[in-house]
N, C-alpha and C. Protein backbone atom coordinates (compact mmCIF):
# COMPACT_ATOMS: atom_id res chain seq x y z
N MET A 1 -32.11 7.33 -14.51
CA MET A 1 -32.50 5.97 -14.24
C MET A 1 -31.39 5.31 -13.42
N LEU A 2 -31.75 4.76 -12.29
CA LEU A 2 -30.79 4.08 -11.43
C LEU A 2 -30.75 2.60 -11.77
N ILE A 3 -29.58 2.06 -11.72
CA ILE A 3 -29.42 0.63 -11.96
C ILE A 3 -29.45 -0.08 -10.62
N GLN A 4 -30.33 -1.05 -10.49
CA GLN A 4 -30.41 -1.82 -9.25
C GLN A 4 -29.27 -2.82 -9.22
N ARG A 5 -28.52 -2.82 -8.15
CA ARG A 5 -27.43 -3.77 -7.97
C ARG A 5 -27.82 -4.78 -6.92
N GLU A 6 -27.27 -5.96 -7.06
CA GLU A 6 -27.45 -6.94 -6.01
C GLU A 6 -26.67 -6.49 -4.79
N PRO A 7 -27.20 -6.70 -3.60
CA PRO A 7 -26.43 -6.33 -2.42
C PRO A 7 -25.16 -7.17 -2.33
N TYR A 8 -24.13 -6.57 -1.75
CA TYR A 8 -22.86 -7.28 -1.64
C TYR A 8 -23.04 -8.51 -0.78
N ARG A 9 -22.52 -9.62 -1.27
CA ARG A 9 -22.57 -10.86 -0.52
C ARG A 9 -21.17 -11.41 -0.45
N LYS A 10 -20.72 -11.64 0.77
CA LYS A 10 -19.38 -12.16 0.98
C LYS A 10 -19.27 -13.53 0.32
N PRO A 11 -18.18 -13.81 -0.39
CA PRO A 11 -18.03 -15.12 -1.03
C PRO A 11 -18.08 -16.24 0.00
N SER A 12 -18.74 -17.32 -0.37
CA SER A 12 -18.89 -18.44 0.55
C SER A 12 -17.57 -19.18 0.71
N ARG A 13 -17.31 -19.61 1.93
CA ARG A 13 -16.10 -20.38 2.20
C ARG A 13 -16.42 -21.87 2.33
N ILE A 14 -17.64 -22.24 2.01
CA ILE A 14 -18.03 -23.64 2.12
C ILE A 14 -17.40 -24.42 0.97
N THR A 15 -16.72 -25.49 1.31
CA THR A 15 -16.11 -26.35 0.29
C THR A 15 -16.99 -27.57 0.07
N ILE A 16 -16.81 -28.18 -1.08
CA ILE A 16 -17.60 -29.36 -1.43
C ILE A 16 -16.75 -30.59 -1.16
N PRO A 17 -17.18 -31.47 -0.26
CA PRO A 17 -16.38 -32.65 0.05
C PRO A 17 -16.31 -33.60 -1.14
N ALA A 18 -15.12 -34.06 -1.46
CA ALA A 18 -14.91 -34.88 -2.65
C ALA A 18 -15.46 -36.29 -2.49
N HIS A 19 -15.38 -36.86 -1.31
CA HIS A 19 -15.74 -38.27 -1.13
C HIS A 19 -17.09 -38.45 -0.46
N ALA A 20 -17.90 -37.43 -0.41
CA ALA A 20 -19.21 -37.52 0.22
C ALA A 20 -20.23 -38.09 -0.77
N HIS A 21 -21.39 -38.41 -0.26
CA HIS A 21 -22.50 -38.91 -1.08
C HIS A 21 -22.86 -37.84 -2.12
N PRO A 22 -23.26 -38.22 -3.34
CA PRO A 22 -23.57 -37.22 -4.38
C PRO A 22 -24.66 -36.22 -3.97
N LEU A 23 -25.66 -36.66 -3.22
CA LEU A 23 -26.69 -35.72 -2.78
C LEU A 23 -26.14 -34.74 -1.75
N VAL A 24 -25.21 -35.19 -0.94
CA VAL A 24 -24.56 -34.29 0.02
C VAL A 24 -23.72 -33.26 -0.72
N ARG A 25 -23.01 -33.69 -1.76
CA ARG A 25 -22.23 -32.73 -2.56
C ARG A 25 -23.16 -31.70 -3.20
N LEU A 26 -24.35 -32.15 -3.64
CA LEU A 26 -25.31 -31.22 -4.21
C LEU A 26 -25.76 -30.18 -3.18
N VAL A 27 -26.02 -30.62 -1.96
CA VAL A 27 -26.43 -29.69 -0.90
C VAL A 27 -25.35 -28.65 -0.65
N PHE A 28 -24.09 -29.08 -0.56
CA PHE A 28 -23.01 -28.13 -0.30
C PHE A 28 -22.79 -27.20 -1.50
N GLN A 29 -22.99 -27.71 -2.71
CA GLN A 29 -22.90 -26.86 -3.90
C GLN A 29 -23.99 -25.79 -3.87
N LEU A 30 -25.22 -26.19 -3.51
CA LEU A 30 -26.31 -25.23 -3.42
C LEU A 30 -26.06 -24.21 -2.32
N MET A 31 -25.49 -24.66 -1.21
CA MET A 31 -25.16 -23.72 -0.13
C MET A 31 -24.16 -22.68 -0.62
N ARG A 32 -23.15 -23.13 -1.33
CA ARG A 32 -22.12 -22.20 -1.81
C ARG A 32 -22.69 -21.26 -2.86
N ASP A 33 -23.47 -21.79 -3.81
CA ASP A 33 -24.00 -20.96 -4.88
C ASP A 33 -25.01 -19.93 -4.38
N ASN A 34 -25.80 -20.30 -3.37
CA ASN A 34 -26.82 -19.40 -2.86
C ASN A 34 -26.35 -18.57 -1.68
N GLY A 35 -25.12 -18.78 -1.23
CA GLY A 35 -24.59 -18.02 -0.11
C GLY A 35 -25.31 -18.31 1.19
N LYS A 36 -25.79 -19.52 1.35
CA LYS A 36 -26.53 -19.89 2.55
C LYS A 36 -25.58 -20.47 3.58
N THR A 37 -25.70 -20.03 4.81
CA THR A 37 -24.84 -20.51 5.89
C THR A 37 -25.45 -21.76 6.53
N TYR A 38 -24.65 -22.40 7.37
CA TYR A 38 -25.15 -23.57 8.10
C TYR A 38 -26.34 -23.17 8.98
N ASP A 39 -26.24 -22.02 9.63
CA ASP A 39 -27.32 -21.58 10.51
C ASP A 39 -28.60 -21.31 9.73
N ALA A 40 -28.48 -20.66 8.58
CA ALA A 40 -29.66 -20.38 7.77
C ALA A 40 -30.28 -21.67 7.25
N LEU A 41 -29.44 -22.63 6.85
CA LEU A 41 -29.96 -23.90 6.38
C LEU A 41 -30.62 -24.68 7.51
N GLU A 42 -30.06 -24.59 8.70
CA GLU A 42 -30.67 -25.25 9.86
C GLU A 42 -32.06 -24.66 10.12
N TRP A 43 -32.18 -23.36 10.04
CA TRP A 43 -33.46 -22.70 10.29
C TRP A 43 -34.48 -23.05 9.20
N ASP A 44 -34.04 -23.05 7.94
CA ASP A 44 -34.97 -23.30 6.83
C ASP A 44 -35.39 -24.76 6.72
N SER A 45 -34.50 -25.68 7.03
CA SER A 45 -34.79 -27.10 6.81
C SER A 45 -35.23 -27.84 8.07
N GLY A 46 -34.85 -27.34 9.23
CA GLY A 46 -35.16 -28.04 10.46
C GLY A 46 -34.18 -29.14 10.80
N ILE A 47 -33.08 -29.24 10.06
CA ILE A 47 -32.03 -30.23 10.31
C ILE A 47 -30.93 -29.52 11.09
N LEU A 48 -30.46 -30.15 12.16
CA LEU A 48 -29.45 -29.53 13.00
C LEU A 48 -28.17 -29.24 12.22
N ARG A 49 -27.53 -28.14 12.59
CA ARG A 49 -26.27 -27.75 11.97
C ARG A 49 -25.21 -28.84 12.14
N SER A 50 -25.14 -29.44 13.31
CA SER A 50 -24.15 -30.49 13.55
C SER A 50 -24.41 -31.71 12.67
N THR A 51 -25.67 -31.99 12.37
CA THR A 51 -26.00 -33.11 11.48
C THR A 51 -25.52 -32.82 10.07
N ILE A 52 -25.77 -31.61 9.60
CA ILE A 52 -25.34 -31.24 8.24
C ILE A 52 -23.82 -31.28 8.14
N LYS A 53 -23.14 -30.78 9.17
CA LYS A 53 -21.67 -30.81 9.15
C LYS A 53 -21.13 -32.23 9.20
N SER A 54 -21.85 -33.14 9.87
CA SER A 54 -21.36 -34.52 9.96
C SER A 54 -21.44 -35.24 8.61
N TRP A 55 -22.25 -34.74 7.69
CA TRP A 55 -22.34 -35.35 6.36
C TRP A 55 -21.05 -35.17 5.58
N ARG A 56 -20.24 -34.22 5.94
CA ARG A 56 -19.01 -33.96 5.21
C ARG A 56 -18.04 -35.12 5.29
N ASN A 57 -18.01 -35.83 6.41
CA ASN A 57 -16.97 -36.83 6.63
C ASN A 57 -17.48 -38.27 6.59
N GLU A 58 -18.24 -38.67 7.59
CA GLU A 58 -18.50 -40.09 7.72
C GLU A 58 -19.97 -40.47 7.61
N LYS A 59 -20.87 -39.57 7.85
CA LYS A 59 -22.29 -39.88 7.91
C LYS A 59 -22.96 -39.73 6.55
N THR A 60 -24.02 -40.53 6.35
CA THR A 60 -24.85 -40.42 5.16
C THR A 60 -26.23 -39.98 5.62
N PRO A 61 -26.84 -39.00 4.96
CA PRO A 61 -28.13 -38.50 5.43
C PRO A 61 -29.26 -39.49 5.17
N SER A 62 -30.29 -39.40 6.00
CA SER A 62 -31.49 -40.20 5.75
C SER A 62 -32.29 -39.54 4.63
N LEU A 63 -33.25 -40.26 4.10
CA LEU A 63 -34.07 -39.73 3.03
C LEU A 63 -34.85 -38.50 3.49
N GLN A 64 -35.37 -38.54 4.70
CA GLN A 64 -36.13 -37.40 5.22
C GLN A 64 -35.22 -36.18 5.40
N SER A 65 -34.01 -36.39 5.86
CA SER A 65 -33.09 -35.27 6.07
C SER A 65 -32.69 -34.62 4.75
N ILE A 66 -32.38 -35.43 3.76
CA ILE A 66 -31.94 -34.86 2.48
C ILE A 66 -33.11 -34.18 1.77
N GLU A 67 -34.33 -34.73 1.90
CA GLU A 67 -35.49 -34.07 1.31
C GLU A 67 -35.75 -32.72 1.98
N ALA A 68 -35.63 -32.67 3.30
CA ALA A 68 -35.85 -31.40 4.01
C ALA A 68 -34.79 -30.38 3.64
N THR A 69 -33.55 -30.83 3.51
CA THR A 69 -32.46 -29.91 3.19
C THR A 69 -32.60 -29.38 1.77
N LEU A 70 -32.90 -30.26 0.82
CA LEU A 70 -33.10 -29.80 -0.55
C LEU A 70 -34.34 -28.92 -0.66
N GLY A 71 -35.36 -29.21 0.16
CA GLY A 71 -36.56 -28.39 0.16
C GLY A 71 -36.30 -26.96 0.59
N ALA A 72 -35.27 -26.75 1.40
CA ALA A 72 -34.90 -25.39 1.81
C ALA A 72 -34.42 -24.56 0.63
N PHE A 73 -33.98 -25.21 -0.44
CA PHE A 73 -33.55 -24.52 -1.65
C PHE A 73 -34.62 -24.51 -2.73
N GLY A 74 -35.78 -25.12 -2.43
CA GLY A 74 -36.85 -25.20 -3.42
C GLY A 74 -36.71 -26.40 -4.34
N TRP A 75 -35.87 -27.35 -3.99
CA TRP A 75 -35.67 -28.55 -4.79
C TRP A 75 -36.53 -29.68 -4.23
N GLN A 76 -36.81 -30.67 -5.09
CA GLN A 76 -37.49 -31.88 -4.68
C GLN A 76 -36.68 -33.08 -5.13
N LEU A 77 -36.75 -34.13 -4.35
CA LEU A 77 -36.08 -35.38 -4.70
C LEU A 77 -37.12 -36.27 -5.36
N VAL A 78 -36.93 -36.59 -6.64
CA VAL A 78 -37.91 -37.34 -7.41
C VAL A 78 -37.26 -38.58 -7.99
N PRO A 79 -37.87 -39.76 -7.81
CA PRO A 79 -37.32 -40.96 -8.45
C PRO A 79 -37.60 -40.94 -9.95
N VAL A 80 -36.60 -41.30 -10.74
CA VAL A 80 -36.73 -41.30 -12.19
C VAL A 80 -36.28 -42.66 -12.71
N PRO A 81 -37.11 -43.32 -13.52
CA PRO A 81 -36.71 -44.62 -14.05
C PRO A 81 -35.65 -44.46 -15.14
N PRO A 82 -34.88 -45.52 -15.40
CA PRO A 82 -33.92 -45.46 -16.50
C PRO A 82 -34.65 -45.34 -17.84
N LEU A 83 -34.01 -44.73 -18.82
CA LEU A 83 -34.65 -44.51 -20.12
C LEU A 83 -35.08 -45.81 -20.79
N GLU A 84 -34.28 -46.86 -20.63
CA GLU A 84 -34.63 -48.11 -21.31
C GLU A 84 -35.88 -48.76 -20.73
N ASN A 85 -36.34 -48.35 -19.55
CA ASN A 85 -37.57 -48.89 -18.96
C ASN A 85 -38.80 -48.09 -19.34
N LEU A 86 -38.62 -46.96 -20.00
CA LEU A 86 -39.75 -46.13 -20.42
C LEU A 86 -40.34 -46.66 -21.72
N PRO A 87 -41.64 -46.44 -21.96
CA PRO A 87 -42.24 -46.82 -23.24
C PRO A 87 -41.58 -46.06 -24.39
N ALA A 88 -41.65 -46.65 -25.57
CA ALA A 88 -40.97 -46.08 -26.74
C ALA A 88 -41.50 -44.69 -27.08
N ASP A 89 -42.81 -44.48 -26.98
CA ASP A 89 -43.35 -43.16 -27.33
C ASP A 89 -42.89 -42.08 -26.35
N VAL A 90 -42.72 -42.43 -25.08
CA VAL A 90 -42.22 -41.47 -24.10
C VAL A 90 -40.75 -41.17 -24.36
N ARG A 91 -39.97 -42.20 -24.70
CA ARG A 91 -38.55 -41.98 -25.02
C ARG A 91 -38.40 -41.07 -26.23
N ASP A 92 -39.24 -41.29 -27.26
CA ASP A 92 -39.17 -40.45 -28.46
C ASP A 92 -39.53 -39.00 -28.13
N ALA A 93 -40.54 -38.82 -27.29
CA ALA A 93 -40.93 -37.46 -26.91
C ALA A 93 -39.82 -36.77 -26.11
N LEU A 94 -39.19 -37.51 -25.20
CA LEU A 94 -38.08 -36.93 -24.43
C LEU A 94 -36.89 -36.61 -25.33
N ASP A 95 -36.63 -37.46 -26.32
CA ASP A 95 -35.53 -37.19 -27.24
C ASP A 95 -35.81 -35.93 -28.06
N GLU A 96 -37.07 -35.77 -28.49
CA GLU A 96 -37.43 -34.57 -29.25
C GLU A 96 -37.28 -33.31 -28.41
N ILE A 97 -37.69 -33.39 -27.14
CA ILE A 97 -37.52 -32.24 -26.24
C ILE A 97 -36.04 -31.95 -26.03
N GLY A 98 -35.24 -33.00 -25.88
CA GLY A 98 -33.81 -32.84 -25.67
C GLY A 98 -33.10 -32.19 -26.85
N GLN A 99 -33.63 -32.38 -28.07
CA GLN A 99 -33.01 -31.78 -29.25
C GLN A 99 -33.04 -30.26 -29.18
N HIS A 100 -34.07 -29.71 -28.52
CA HIS A 100 -34.19 -28.26 -28.44
C HIS A 100 -33.17 -27.65 -27.49
N PHE A 101 -32.60 -28.45 -26.61
CA PHE A 101 -31.66 -27.93 -25.63
C PHE A 101 -30.22 -28.25 -25.97
N ARG A 102 -29.99 -28.92 -27.07
CA ARG A 102 -28.62 -29.22 -27.47
C ARG A 102 -27.97 -27.96 -28.02
N SER A 103 -26.70 -27.81 -27.75
CA SER A 103 -25.98 -26.64 -28.22
C SER A 103 -24.81 -27.11 -29.08
N ASP A 104 -24.72 -26.58 -30.26
CA ASP A 104 -23.58 -26.89 -31.10
C ASP A 104 -22.90 -25.58 -31.50
N GLU A 105 -21.86 -25.70 -32.27
CA GLU A 105 -21.08 -24.51 -32.62
C GLU A 105 -21.88 -23.54 -33.48
N GLU A 106 -22.74 -24.06 -34.37
CA GLU A 106 -23.53 -23.16 -35.21
C GLU A 106 -24.52 -22.35 -34.38
N THR A 107 -25.17 -23.00 -33.43
CA THR A 107 -26.12 -22.29 -32.57
C THR A 107 -25.40 -21.23 -31.75
N LEU A 108 -24.25 -21.58 -31.20
CA LEU A 108 -23.48 -20.63 -30.41
C LEU A 108 -23.01 -19.47 -31.28
N GLY A 109 -22.55 -19.77 -32.48
CA GLY A 109 -22.11 -18.72 -33.39
C GLY A 109 -23.24 -17.78 -33.77
N ALA A 110 -24.43 -18.33 -34.03
CA ALA A 110 -25.59 -17.49 -34.37
C ALA A 110 -25.99 -16.60 -33.20
N ALA A 111 -25.92 -17.15 -31.98
CA ALA A 111 -26.26 -16.35 -30.80
C ALA A 111 -25.26 -15.21 -30.61
N LEU A 112 -23.96 -15.50 -30.78
CA LEU A 112 -22.95 -14.45 -30.64
C LEU A 112 -23.10 -13.38 -31.71
N ALA A 113 -23.42 -13.80 -32.94
CA ALA A 113 -23.62 -12.84 -34.01
C ALA A 113 -24.83 -11.96 -33.74
N ALA A 114 -25.88 -12.55 -33.19
CA ALA A 114 -27.08 -11.76 -32.88
C ALA A 114 -26.81 -10.76 -31.77
N ILE A 115 -26.03 -11.16 -30.79
CA ILE A 115 -25.72 -10.25 -29.69
C ILE A 115 -24.84 -9.10 -30.17
N ASN A 116 -23.81 -9.41 -30.95
CA ASN A 116 -22.87 -8.37 -31.39
C ASN A 116 -23.41 -7.52 -32.51
N GLY A 117 -24.38 -8.00 -33.26
CA GLY A 117 -24.88 -7.26 -34.41
C GLY A 117 -26.13 -6.47 -34.14
N ARG A 118 -26.49 -6.26 -32.88
CA ARG A 118 -27.73 -5.54 -32.59
C ARG A 118 -27.60 -4.07 -32.96
N ALA A 119 -28.73 -3.48 -33.29
CA ALA A 119 -28.74 -2.08 -33.71
C ALA A 119 -28.44 -1.18 -32.53
N GLY A 120 -27.80 -0.06 -32.79
CA GLY A 120 -27.56 0.91 -31.75
C GLY A 120 -26.13 0.97 -31.29
N GLY A 121 -25.29 0.11 -31.75
CA GLY A 121 -23.89 0.15 -31.37
C GLY A 121 -23.62 -0.53 -30.05
N PRO A 122 -22.43 -0.32 -29.53
CA PRO A 122 -22.03 -1.03 -28.33
C PRO A 122 -22.82 -0.65 -27.08
N ALA A 123 -23.31 0.55 -27.01
CA ALA A 123 -24.08 0.95 -25.84
C ALA A 123 -25.49 1.28 -26.29
N CYS A 124 -26.44 0.47 -25.94
CA CYS A 124 -27.81 0.67 -26.40
C CYS A 124 -28.69 1.30 -25.34
N GLY A 125 -28.10 1.99 -24.39
CA GLY A 125 -28.86 2.63 -23.33
C GLY A 125 -29.63 3.83 -23.85
N GLY A 126 -30.35 4.50 -22.95
CA GLY A 126 -31.24 5.58 -23.33
C GLY A 126 -30.57 6.73 -24.05
N ARG A 127 -29.52 7.32 -23.50
CA ARG A 127 -28.92 8.50 -24.13
C ARG A 127 -28.15 8.16 -25.39
N TYR A 128 -27.76 6.91 -25.58
CA TYR A 128 -27.01 6.55 -26.77
C TYR A 128 -27.92 6.29 -27.96
N ARG A 129 -29.22 6.14 -27.72
CA ARG A 129 -30.13 5.94 -28.84
C ARG A 129 -30.17 7.18 -29.72
N GLU A 130 -30.04 8.34 -29.10
CA GLU A 130 -30.06 9.58 -29.86
C GLU A 130 -28.81 9.70 -30.73
N ARG A 131 -27.74 9.07 -30.33
CA ARG A 131 -26.48 9.16 -31.07
C ARG A 131 -26.30 7.96 -31.99
N GLY A 132 -27.37 7.31 -32.37
CA GLY A 132 -27.28 6.12 -33.20
C GLY A 132 -26.51 6.36 -34.49
N ALA A 133 -26.71 7.52 -35.11
CA ALA A 133 -26.01 7.80 -36.37
C ALA A 133 -24.50 7.84 -36.16
N TYR A 134 -24.06 8.37 -35.02
CA TYR A 134 -22.63 8.40 -34.74
C TYR A 134 -22.06 6.98 -34.67
N TRP A 135 -22.74 6.10 -33.98
CA TRP A 135 -22.23 4.74 -33.82
C TRP A 135 -22.18 4.00 -35.15
N ARG A 136 -23.11 4.31 -36.04
CA ARG A 136 -23.10 3.63 -37.34
C ARG A 136 -21.96 4.15 -38.23
N THR A 137 -21.64 5.43 -38.12
CA THR A 137 -20.61 5.99 -39.00
C THR A 137 -19.21 5.89 -38.42
N ALA A 138 -19.09 5.71 -37.11
CA ALA A 138 -17.77 5.69 -36.47
C ALA A 138 -17.00 4.43 -36.80
N ALA A 139 -17.67 3.34 -37.05
CA ALA A 139 -16.98 2.08 -37.32
C ALA A 139 -16.49 2.11 -38.72
């Protein structure tokens, strides 16, 4: 059985400008994380490379430009009202959903215990399943 590896991708040299607009910082973060170059982003979004580069220093993008650029990554720009403007039943439902995504030390500890305590020993690959008895007695 061959293990599929991701193709080698050269680390991105794109930096995130500290004093730029927050949406511009998001675009540069997405570029770095996805390994997308200025040329590729220009092709995917239809926004000129020079325009994207100008956002680093003094320019602020228009709404259409930032939507097109985020769309190249599969993102959408959606307006969201503040929580205090939402109806009480919607706030309660959102709070209940948020409870499922909270992480505390007990949850993290249980997850680590489940990962480390799985049957089959440290290597659970195909040929090591046959040697399960060895892994149980070796410890």
